[in-house]
Each structure stands twice: as structure tokens, then as C-alpha cells.
Amino acid sequence: MRNTSFLLISVSLYRDRSFRSTPKIGHDLAKQSVTINRNHRSRLSEMTGHDAPKYAGKVPEFLRKDTFIVPLTVSESAVGFIYIEPTRDMPELDRHLIQIAANQCSSALENLKLHRNLAESYAGAIEMLAQIAEFKDKTTGDHIRRLEQYTRLMAIELGMSKDEATFYANASQLHDIGKVGIPESILHKPGKLTEEEFEIIKTHTVIGASILSQQKHLDLARNIALSHHERWDGKGYPNGVYAKELHFAVRIVSVIDVFDALVCCRPYKLPWPVQKAANLIKAGAGSQFDPVVVMAFLKLLEQGKFDEIINTTQGQQITEIVSG
């Protein structure tokens, strides 16, 4: 198309929940100002569904006669269009190449939609499994939601992108899913566990990993469920591996899981003061916890980034104690 000059080229996407993107995206491919009359753009956007493809290469009567329009389709439905106003007659070869480009754009949009649908399905599966854990144990349910918030903040502080942080946070919600296999008499026991009971409670890691092993896209959640009680010095459970060999997300959850358990009320204990819990986390750096993760945790705690989560938690606990 080297011999064709374009007065205007614009690509637009209709508002679609499947894409959740800006509805009309203009690209100045010739590095010139790109504008389509608002009335024309609105009327073009009405070309949806199965009727849109009939406009390919044709010119609706409200547009200038040399205009070239190519719909962008996903699953046989139009999701947008390419609008072109050439400054001279457009050879058939150029039109054909533009159609090929439009087909490639449509394929890319189809792949994007499939990817987002998969991501939404993953998030939905995480949420459903987390709710199962909550039905088993209300304390676990509240703990899950807080861990999701802590994990996201920690991951971003440690250099993860927002998408990666969300991925880590979603997976963290299933760290205690294995507790659905632990007897309620042990989960809700008000006193200290016996050695035998503690050995049973430790199996929630293996149970959780087993539950999550059925789906490949839950691998990170499975790793977290299995290994969040492993230690930096290799003295944790269930497998006694060195935490430095584990996924970064596991090491993050290991720290905040302990902190949240300490500052929250449990059937067997009252909540610790925040500073006392922070001191224990600090003391565990290099033995129980990854020192880098501990450093990031203490920094966020000192900056007040966890205040909202902690204050909400303590407020709920006061309400429960008073009402109880």
C-alpha cells in the first residue's frame, strides 16, 4: 500500500463488557489528526450483530462515497470497525490487505476475549472454593479475605506488577482450603491442642494441595496451600523443605499468615498487640521467614499501609466480644 495516501484511518471498539476497554479507540496511523464526525461514529456503532459484516467494503449513504469500512468481528458478532478515508482511489489489492489486517485484529480480539473469560473463570473458581472454607469455619473465612489484601500489598511492594499481585492475592485465598478436612472439634477447640491433634491440624496442608491438584491453573494456589507452613531454615511442615526453594508467593503468605493469626482473636487465644506480633515476625527473619519478605512487611506496617485491614479486624473482634 505504499502508493496509497490516507486522509484518515480510525479503529473503534464498541462498548462491550467482554472487553471492558475504552469504547472508541482512535489510532492516527499516518501520524495526523484522527477524528470522525461524532454523528457518523455513532451511526457506525449501530452496525452490530450479524448485520455488520454486510457493510464490509461498502459505504452507508450518510458517509462520503470513497470511504472504506471493515468490521472487526468476534464469534460472528461485530465488536468494532476500521474506518478509512483515502485521498485517492484505493486499489483492490490495498483493500484486500486491509481486510487481511482486519481479520488478524479480529483473531487477536477473539484470543483476548478467551483469555479474559479464562481469567474470570479462574477468579470465580477461587471465590467458590474460598466460600467453601468459610462455611466450614467463619474464622477461616475472615482470615482468607484479610490475607488476600495483605498479599496484594506485599507483592506490589516486592516489585510485582498489579496483575501479578492480583494473581498472588487470589491464590492466597486458598491457603487454608484443606481445613475443610479437619474435624470441627479440633478447629474450634478453645484450649491448647494435644500433640495428636496438632498432627491432625498439620494435615490441612496436604489435604488442600490434594483438593487443588486437579486443575493446572490452580498450581500456585496448590503450592501455597501445601507449603505456607514451611520455614526458611527447613524445619517447617509438611515436607521440611527450605523456604528459599519455594515460590515467592508462598514466602509472602508464610509471613502474613502468622501475623494475621497473632493479631486476631482465635478460639484458643486473645489477639496480640500489633507491635508484639511485629516483633515476633522480625525475630523470625532468617530462621522462620524470608528476610527480604520480612523487611518489606515491616516497612509497609511502619508506613501504615496495613492500618485499614488491622483496624477493621480489631473493630469486628470488639463487636463480636461485646455481642457475645
Protein backbone atom coordinates (compact mmCIF):
# COMPACT_ATOMS: atom_id res chain seq x y z
CA MET A 1 0.00 0.00 0.00
CA ARG A 2 2.98 2.31 -0.46
CA ASN A 3 1.26 4.23 -3.27
CA THR A 4 -1.92 4.95 -1.29
CA SER A 5 -2.26 8.06 0.85
CA PHE A 6 -4.82 8.09 3.63
CA LEU A 7 -6.63 11.18 4.79
CA LEU A 8 -7.94 9.41 7.86
CA ILE A 9 -7.76 5.98 9.43
CA SER A 10 -9.56 5.12 12.65
CA VAL A 11 -10.15 1.93 14.60
CA SER A 12 -13.04 1.79 17.06
CA LEU A 13 -14.37 -0.78 19.50
CA TYR A 14 -17.95 -0.79 20.72
CA ARG A 15 -18.63 -0.72 24.44
CA ASP A 16 -18.61 -4.41 25.39
CA ARG A 17 -18.47 -5.96 28.86
CA SER A 18 -16.34 -8.75 27.44
CA PHE A 19 -13.54 -6.29 26.69
CA ARG A 20 -14.14 -3.62 29.33
CA SER A 21 -11.99 -1.20 27.40
CA THR A 22 -12.44 2.31 26.15
CA PRO A 23 -15.36 2.03 23.71
CA LYS A 24 -13.85 4.10 20.91
CA ILE A 25 -10.12 3.95 20.32
CA GLY A 26 -8.67 6.20 17.59
CA HIS A 27 -5.25 5.48 16.05
CA ASP A 28 -3.54 8.07 13.81
CA LEU A 29 -1.63 5.57 11.68
CA ALA A 30 -0.37 8.36 9.42
CA LYS A 31 0.65 10.47 12.46
CA GLN A 32 -2.04 13.02 11.54
CA SER A 33 -5.07 14.16 13.49
CA VAL A 34 -7.66 11.37 13.63
CA THR A 35 -11.29 12.43 14.04
CA ILE A 36 -14.57 11.01 12.84
CA ASN A 37 -17.66 13.19 12.95
CA ARG A 38 -19.46 12.20 16.16
CA ASN A 39 -22.75 11.68 14.39
CA HIS A 40 -21.14 9.39 11.81
CA ARG A 41 -19.27 7.45 14.51
CA SER A 42 -22.48 6.97 16.47
CA ARG A 43 -24.32 5.69 13.42
CA LEU A 44 -21.44 3.39 12.54
CA SER A 45 -21.55 2.00 16.07
CA GLU A 46 -25.12 0.89 15.46
CA MET A 47 -23.82 -1.70 13.00
CA THR A 48 -23.75 -4.58 15.48
CA GLY A 49 -24.57 -8.25 15.44
CA HIS A 50 -24.91 -10.27 12.25
CA ASP A 51 -25.85 -7.24 10.11
CA ALA A 52 -22.48 -5.53 10.47
CA PRO A 53 -20.45 -7.73 8.09
CA LYS A 54 -22.67 -6.75 5.16
CA TYR A 55 -21.12 -3.27 5.32
CA ALA A 56 -17.63 -4.61 4.63
CA GLY A 57 -16.18 -2.64 1.74
CA LYS A 58 -19.45 -0.73 1.30
CA VAL A 59 -20.40 2.84 2.11
CA PRO A 60 -23.57 3.72 4.03
CA GLU A 61 -25.38 6.64 2.46
CA PHE A 62 -24.53 9.04 5.30
CA LEU A 63 -20.77 8.73 4.60
CA ARG A 64 -18.66 10.03 1.71
CA LYS A 65 -18.54 7.71 -1.26
CA ASP A 66 -14.82 6.87 -1.13
CA THR A 67 -14.97 5.68 2.49
CA PHE A 68 -13.88 2.10 3.21
CA ILE A 69 -15.25 0.27 6.28
CA VAL A 70 -14.18 -3.12 7.58
CA PRO A 71 -15.98 -4.57 10.64
CA LEU A 72 -14.00 -6.31 13.38
CA THR A 73 -15.85 -9.45 14.46
CA VAL A 74 -15.63 -11.85 17.37
CA SER A 75 -17.77 -15.00 17.39
CA GLU A 76 -19.56 -13.73 14.27
CA SER A 77 -20.65 -10.53 16.05
CA ALA A 78 -19.19 -7.12 15.29
CA VAL A 79 -17.20 -5.58 18.12
CA GLY A 80 -15.87 -2.60 16.17
CA PHE A 81 -14.75 -1.39 12.79
CA ILE A 82 -11.88 0.05 10.78
CA TYR A 83 -12.85 3.31 9.05
CA ILE A 84 -10.71 4.66 6.20
CA GLU A 85 -10.96 7.78 4.02
CA PRO A 86 -8.37 7.58 1.21
CA THR A 87 -7.20 10.66 -0.69
CA ARG A 88 -7.30 8.81 -4.00
CA ASP A 89 -8.84 5.66 -5.43
CA MET A 90 -7.87 2.63 -3.39
CA PRO A 91 -6.61 -0.33 -5.45
CA GLU A 92 -8.29 -3.67 -4.87
CA LEU A 93 -5.01 -5.12 -3.59
CA ASP A 94 -4.88 -2.48 -0.85
CA ARG A 95 -8.46 -3.25 0.15
CA HIS A 96 -7.58 -6.94 0.30
CA LEU A 97 -4.54 -6.26 2.51
CA ILE A 98 -6.66 -4.12 4.83
CA GLN A 99 -9.19 -6.95 5.07
CA ILE A 100 -6.38 -9.36 6.00
CA ALA A 101 -5.22 -6.92 8.68
CA ALA A 102 -8.79 -6.67 9.99
CA ASN A 103 -9.03 -10.45 10.15
CA GLN A 104 -5.83 -10.55 12.17
CA CYS A 105 -7.21 -7.88 14.51
CA SER A 106 -10.40 -9.90 14.92
CA SER A 107 -8.39 -13.01 15.77
CA ALA A 108 -6.40 -11.06 18.34
CA LEU A 109 -9.61 -9.75 19.90
CA GLU A 110 -11.05 -13.28 19.98
CA ASN A 111 -7.94 -14.50 21.80
CA LEU A 112 -8.17 -11.57 24.21
CA LYS A 113 -11.79 -12.41 24.98
CA LEU A 114 -10.95 -16.07 25.59
CA HIS A 115 -8.06 -15.06 27.85
CA ARG A 116 -10.27 -12.74 29.90
CA ASN A 117 -13.02 -15.33 30.12
CA LEU A 118 -10.45 -17.81 31.43
CA ALA A 119 -9.16 -15.26 33.95
CA GLU A 120 -12.71 -14.59 35.15
CA SER A 121 -13.37 -18.33 35.43
CA TYR A 122 -10.18 -18.72 37.47
CA ALA A 123 -11.19 -15.90 39.81
CA GLY A 124 -14.67 -17.40 40.10
CA ALA A 125 -13.30 -20.83 40.98
CA ILE A 126 -11.06 -19.27 43.64
CA GLU A 127 -14.02 -17.42 45.14
CA MET A 128 -16.22 -20.53 45.24
CA LEU A 129 -13.54 -22.62 46.92
CA ALA A 130 -12.82 -19.85 49.42
CA GLN A 131 -16.52 -19.74 50.31
CA ILE A 132 -16.45 -23.48 50.98
CA ALA A 133 -13.72 -22.87 53.55
CA GLU A 134 -15.75 -20.05 55.09
CA PHE A 135 -18.84 -22.24 55.50
CA LYS A 136 -16.68 -24.70 57.39
CA ASP A 137 -15.16 -22.09 59.69
CA LYS A 138 -16.18 -18.39 59.92
CA THR A 139 -12.80 -17.51 61.44
CA THR A 140 -11.07 -19.01 58.40
CA GLY A 141 -13.35 -17.06 56.06
CA ASP A 142 -12.44 -13.67 57.57
CA HIS A 143 -8.77 -14.68 57.67
CA ILE A 144 -8.89 -15.54 53.96
CA ARG A 145 -10.17 -12.10 52.97
CA ARG A 146 -7.55 -10.32 55.03
CA LEU A 147 -4.75 -12.44 53.59
CA GLU A 148 -5.89 -11.55 50.09
CA GLN A 149 -5.49 -7.85 50.92
CA TYR A 150 -2.15 -8.26 52.70
CA THR A 151 -0.76 -10.39 49.86
CA ARG A 152 -1.62 -7.84 47.19
CA LEU A 153 0.07 -5.01 49.08
CA MET A 154 3.12 -7.13 49.84
CA ALA A 155 3.54 -8.35 46.26
CA ILE A 156 3.44 -4.81 44.88
CA GLU A 157 5.96 -3.64 47.47
CA LEU A 158 8.25 -6.51 46.44
CA GLY A 159 8.21 -5.43 42.79
CA MET A 160 5.37 -7.43 41.29
CA SER A 161 3.09 -5.83 38.72
CA LYS A 162 -0.53 -5.18 39.66
CA ASP A 163 -1.62 -8.19 37.60
CA GLU A 164 0.95 -10.44 39.28
CA ALA A 165 -0.04 -9.10 42.68
CA THR A 166 -3.68 -9.88 41.97
CA PHE A 167 -2.71 -13.38 40.83
CA TYR A 168 -0.80 -13.94 44.08
CA ALA A 169 -3.63 -12.46 46.15
CA ASN A 170 -6.27 -14.66 44.52
CA ALA A 171 -4.18 -17.78 45.06
CA SER A 172 -3.54 -16.87 48.71
CA GLN A 173 -7.26 -17.16 49.47
CA LEU A 174 -6.99 -20.94 49.21
CA HIS A 175 -4.06 -21.41 51.56
CA ASP A 176 -6.28 -22.96 54.24
CA ILE A 177 -8.76 -24.75 51.97
CA GLY A 178 -7.52 -28.06 53.44
CA LYS A 179 -9.17 -27.20 56.77
CA VAL A 180 -12.44 -28.47 55.29
CA GLY A 181 -10.98 -31.91 56.06
CA ILE A 182 -10.18 -31.16 59.70
CA PRO A 183 -12.74 -32.08 62.41
CA GLU A 184 -14.57 -29.06 63.82
CA SER A 185 -13.82 -30.28 67.35
CA ILE A 186 -10.16 -29.55 66.63
CA LEU A 187 -10.63 -26.34 64.61
CA HIS A 188 -12.83 -24.79 67.30
CA LYS A 189 -11.10 -26.20 70.36
CA PRO A 190 -10.83 -23.37 72.93
CA GLY A 191 -7.68 -24.69 74.57
CA LYS A 192 -4.24 -25.87 73.51
CA LEU A 193 -4.10 -28.77 71.06
CA THR A 194 -2.62 -32.09 72.09
CA GLU A 195 0.31 -33.45 70.10
CA GLU A 196 -2.03 -35.83 68.32
CA GLU A 197 -4.47 -33.04 67.49
CA PHE A 198 -1.65 -30.84 66.20
CA GLU A 199 -0.50 -33.62 63.89
CA ILE A 200 -4.05 -33.77 62.54
CA ILE A 201 -4.25 -29.99 62.03
CA LYS A 202 -0.96 -30.12 60.12
CA THR A 203 -2.57 -32.36 57.51
CA HIS A 204 -4.64 -29.41 56.23
CA THR A 205 -1.65 -28.54 54.03
CA VAL A 206 -1.64 -31.90 52.26
CA ILE A 207 -5.44 -32.02 52.07
CA GLY A 208 -5.50 -28.56 50.50
CA ALA A 209 -2.84 -29.47 47.94
CA SER A 210 -4.80 -32.60 47.04
CA ILE A 211 -8.01 -30.61 46.50
CA LEU A 212 -6.26 -28.10 44.26
CA SER A 213 -4.16 -30.61 42.29
CA GLN A 214 -6.98 -31.37 39.85
CA GLN A 215 -6.55 -28.15 37.86
CA LYS A 216 -3.29 -26.95 36.30
CA HIS A 217 -4.29 -23.27 36.55
CA LEU A 218 -4.51 -23.67 40.36
CA ASP A 219 -0.84 -24.68 40.67
CA LEU A 220 0.19 -21.53 42.55
CA ALA A 221 -2.73 -21.89 44.97
CA ARG A 222 -1.77 -25.56 45.44
CA ASN A 223 1.85 -24.62 46.20
CA ILE A 224 0.73 -22.04 48.75
CA ALA A 225 -1.72 -24.45 50.40
CA LEU A 226 0.95 -27.15 50.65
CA SER A 227 3.94 -25.09 51.74
CA HIS A 228 2.87 -21.96 53.64
CA HIS A 229 3.99 -23.59 56.92
CA GLU A 230 7.46 -24.44 55.64
CA ARG A 231 10.31 -22.44 57.15
CA TRP A 232 13.36 -20.60 55.88
CA ASP A 233 15.58 -22.97 57.88
CA GLY A 234 13.86 -26.11 56.58
CA LYS A 235 12.23 -27.02 59.90
CA GLY A 236 8.62 -26.49 58.89
CA TYR A 237 5.93 -28.86 57.65
CA PRO A 238 4.72 -30.93 55.86
CA ASN A 239 7.92 -31.69 53.93
CA GLY A 240 10.65 -29.86 55.81
CA VAL A 241 11.94 -28.03 52.71
CA TYR A 242 13.93 -24.81 52.78
CA ALA A 243 11.58 -21.92 52.04
CA LYS A 244 14.12 -20.30 49.69
CA GLU A 245 13.31 -23.13 47.28
CA LEU A 246 9.61 -22.21 47.24
CA HIS A 247 7.65 -19.77 45.11
CA PHE A 248 7.88 -16.13 46.22
CA ALA A 249 4.12 -16.04 46.82
CA VAL A 250 4.47 -18.89 49.34
CA ARG A 251 7.09 -16.93 51.27
CA ILE A 252 4.84 -13.86 51.35
CA VAL A 253 1.86 -15.83 52.65
CA SER A 254 4.03 -17.53 55.29
CA VAL A 255 4.76 -14.16 56.93
CA ILE A 256 1.33 -12.54 56.78
CA ASP A 257 -0.47 -15.76 57.72
CA VAL A 258 1.38 -15.82 61.04
CA PHE A 259 0.96 -12.09 61.63
CA ASP A 260 -2.79 -12.15 60.98
CA ALA A 261 -3.24 -15.19 63.22
CA LEU A 262 -1.40 -13.40 66.03
CA VAL A 263 -3.31 -10.10 65.93
CA CYS A 264 -6.69 -11.78 65.58
CA CYS A 265 -8.87 -13.48 68.14
CA ARG A 266 -8.92 -17.26 67.85
CA PRO A 267 -10.87 -19.88 69.85
CA TYR A 268 -7.69 -20.69 71.78
CA LYS A 269 -6.29 -17.17 72.35
CA LEU A 270 -6.90 -13.42 72.56
CA PRO A 271 -5.38 -11.11 69.91
CA TRP A 272 -1.82 -9.95 70.38
CA PRO A 273 -0.91 -6.24 70.25
CA VAL A 274 0.27 -5.31 66.77
CA GLN A 275 3.78 -4.35 67.88
CA LYS A 276 4.27 -7.61 69.78
CA ALA A 277 3.26 -9.57 66.66
CA ALA A 278 5.56 -7.43 64.50
CA ASN A 279 8.47 -8.11 66.87
CA LEU A 280 7.92 -11.86 66.54
CA ILE A 281 7.91 -11.58 62.73
CA LYS A 282 11.12 -9.53 62.87
CA ALA A 283 12.75 -12.07 65.17
CA GLY A 284 11.84 -14.86 62.73
CA ALA A 285 13.69 -13.32 59.77
CA GLY A 286 16.33 -15.74 58.54
CA SER A 287 15.04 -18.67 60.58
CA GLN A 288 11.29 -19.00 60.05
CA PHE A 289 10.79 -16.36 57.35
CA ASP A 290 12.44 -14.99 54.22
CA PRO A 291 14.40 -11.91 55.43
CA VAL A 292 13.53 -9.93 52.28
CA VAL A 293 9.82 -10.54 52.78
CA VAL A 294 10.06 -9.61 56.46
CA MET A 295 11.81 -6.36 55.57
CA ALA A 296 9.04 -5.45 53.11
CA PHE A 297 6.38 -6.41 55.66
CA LEU A 298 7.87 -4.23 58.40
CA LYS A 299 8.24 -1.31 56.01
CA LEU A 300 4.57 -1.42 54.99
CA LEU A 301 3.50 -1.86 58.61
CA GLU A 302 5.56 1.16 59.69
CA GLN A 303 4.14 3.24 56.82
CA GLY A 304 0.61 2.44 57.94
CA LYS A 305 -0.29 0.56 54.75
CA PHE A 306 -1.89 -2.23 56.80
CA ASP A 307 -3.76 0.05 59.20
CA GLU A 308 -7.12 -0.21 57.47
CA ILE A 309 -7.03 -4.01 57.46
CA ILE A 310 -5.87 -4.21 61.08
CA ASN A 311 -8.34 -1.58 62.37
CA THR A 312 -11.25 -3.23 60.59
CA THR A 313 -10.27 -6.59 62.02
CA GLN A 314 -9.94 -5.32 65.58
CA GLY A 315 -13.21 -3.41 65.29
CA GLN A 316 -15.02 -6.59 64.23
CA GLN A 317 -13.47 -8.52 67.12
CA ILE A 318 -14.58 -5.92 69.69
CA THR A 319 -18.11 -6.06 68.31
CA GLU A 320 -18.14 -9.88 68.50
CA ILE A 321 -16.82 -9.89 72.06
CA VAL A 322 -19.41 -7.33 73.21
CA SER A 323 -22.29 -9.05 71.42
CA GLY A 324 -21.14 -12.45 72.66
